[in-house]
């Protein structure tokens, strides 16, 4: 997932201090429920350039705010870089 896409297209869906598990429960799983596919496949259909070979693997805590994960990535990566976050493989 491209970091710039995460910041501009996905983060607006994340309300308040949603934890990563809440993002998966409230955004990711409902989106893939009828298609039975990985969330990243939906993104690739809508925005092919948002998906690419990851430069970084993002390790996270399921109970921490998702926005903090994206903010941490923003400190060391550019918006053009791609990251791998397991919750998008669900």
Protein backbone atom coordinates (compact mmCIF):
# COMPACT_ATOMS: atom_id res chain seq x y z
CA UNK A 1 0.00 0.00 0.00
CA UNK A 2 1.41 3.39 -0.93
CA UNK A 3 1.94 5.59 2.11
CA UNK A 4 0.54 8.66 0.36
CA UNK A 5 -2.63 6.74 -0.49
CA UNK A 6 -2.97 5.61 3.13
CA UNK A 7 -2.72 9.19 4.31
CA UNK A 8 -5.05 10.81 1.78
CA UNK A 9 -7.59 8.10 0.95
CA UNK A 10 -7.70 5.62 3.82
CA UNK A 11 -7.09 7.73 6.94
CA UNK A 12 -10.23 9.84 6.35
CA UNK A 13 -12.18 6.61 6.98
CA UNK A 14 -10.48 6.20 10.37
CA UNK A 15 -12.43 8.18 12.94
CA UNK A 16 -10.92 9.53 16.13
CA UNK A 17 -8.37 7.27 17.76
CA UNK A 18 -9.60 4.02 16.21
CA UNK A 19 -7.34 1.16 17.19
CA UNK A 20 -6.01 -1.14 14.48
CA UNK A 21 -8.39 -3.92 15.52
CA UNK A 22 -11.29 -1.45 15.18
CA UNK A 23 -10.11 -0.45 11.70
CA UNK A 24 -10.15 -4.11 10.71
CA UNK A 25 -13.51 -4.77 12.37
CA UNK A 26 -15.28 -1.61 11.16
CA UNK A 27 -13.65 -0.84 7.79
CA UNK A 28 -11.68 -3.75 6.36
CA UNK A 29 -13.89 -6.75 7.15
CA UNK A 30 -17.19 -5.13 6.08
CA UNK A 31 -15.61 -4.07 2.78
CA UNK A 32 -14.51 -7.60 1.88
CA UNK A 33 -17.43 -9.53 3.38
CA UNK A 34 -19.39 -10.00 0.16
CA UNK A 35 -16.37 -10.35 -2.14
CA UNK A 36 -14.37 -12.79 0.02
CA UNK A 37 -11.07 -11.25 -1.04
CA UNK A 38 -8.18 -9.43 0.55
CA UNK A 39 -8.76 -5.72 1.22
CA UNK A 40 -5.71 -4.86 -0.85
CA UNK A 41 -7.41 -6.45 -3.88
CA UNK A 42 -10.26 -3.95 -3.56
CA UNK A 43 -7.80 -1.08 -3.37
CA UNK A 44 -5.89 -2.35 -6.39
CA UNK A 45 -9.11 -2.39 -8.42
CA UNK A 46 -9.95 1.20 -7.47
CA UNK A 47 -6.45 2.68 -7.47
CA UNK A 48 -3.87 0.41 -9.13
CA UNK A 49 -0.99 2.77 -8.37
CA UNK A 50 -1.77 2.55 -4.63
CA UNK A 51 -0.51 -1.04 -4.56
CA UNK A 52 3.10 -2.01 -5.23
CA UNK A 53 6.17 -3.79 -3.96
CA UNK A 54 6.64 -2.89 -0.31
CA UNK A 55 9.73 -1.08 0.84
CA UNK A 56 8.86 -1.54 4.50
CA UNK A 57 7.01 -4.05 6.67
CA UNK A 58 4.94 -2.24 9.27
CA UNK A 59 4.79 -3.98 12.62
CA UNK A 60 2.00 -2.74 14.85
CA UNK A 61 0.01 -3.29 17.99
CA UNK A 62 -3.63 -4.19 17.38
CA UNK A 63 -4.68 -2.07 20.37
CA UNK A 64 -2.83 1.11 19.35
CA UNK A 65 -4.33 3.94 17.30
CA UNK A 66 -4.02 3.19 13.59
CA UNK A 67 -3.21 6.84 12.87
CA UNK A 68 -0.08 6.48 15.01
CA UNK A 69 1.12 3.66 12.76
CA UNK A 70 0.73 5.80 9.66
CA UNK A 71 2.34 8.79 11.40
CA UNK A 72 5.35 6.67 12.38
CA UNK A 73 5.78 5.50 8.80
CA UNK A 74 5.61 9.11 7.63
CA UNK A 75 8.67 9.98 9.74
CA UNK A 76 10.94 7.60 7.85
CA UNK A 77 9.31 7.01 4.45
CA UNK A 78 8.11 9.21 1.62
CA UNK A 79 4.54 9.30 0.36
CA UNK A 80 5.69 7.43 -2.76
CA UNK A 81 6.97 4.46 -0.74
CA UNK A 82 4.93 1.28 -0.35
CA UNK A 83 4.38 -0.46 2.99
CA UNK A 84 3.09 -3.89 3.93
CA UNK A 85 0.58 -3.95 6.79
CA UNK A 86 -0.97 -7.31 7.57
CA UNK A 87 -4.46 -5.98 8.21
CA UNK A 88 -4.82 -5.17 4.50
CA UNK A 89 -4.13 -8.80 3.61
CA UNK A 90 -7.34 -9.86 5.41
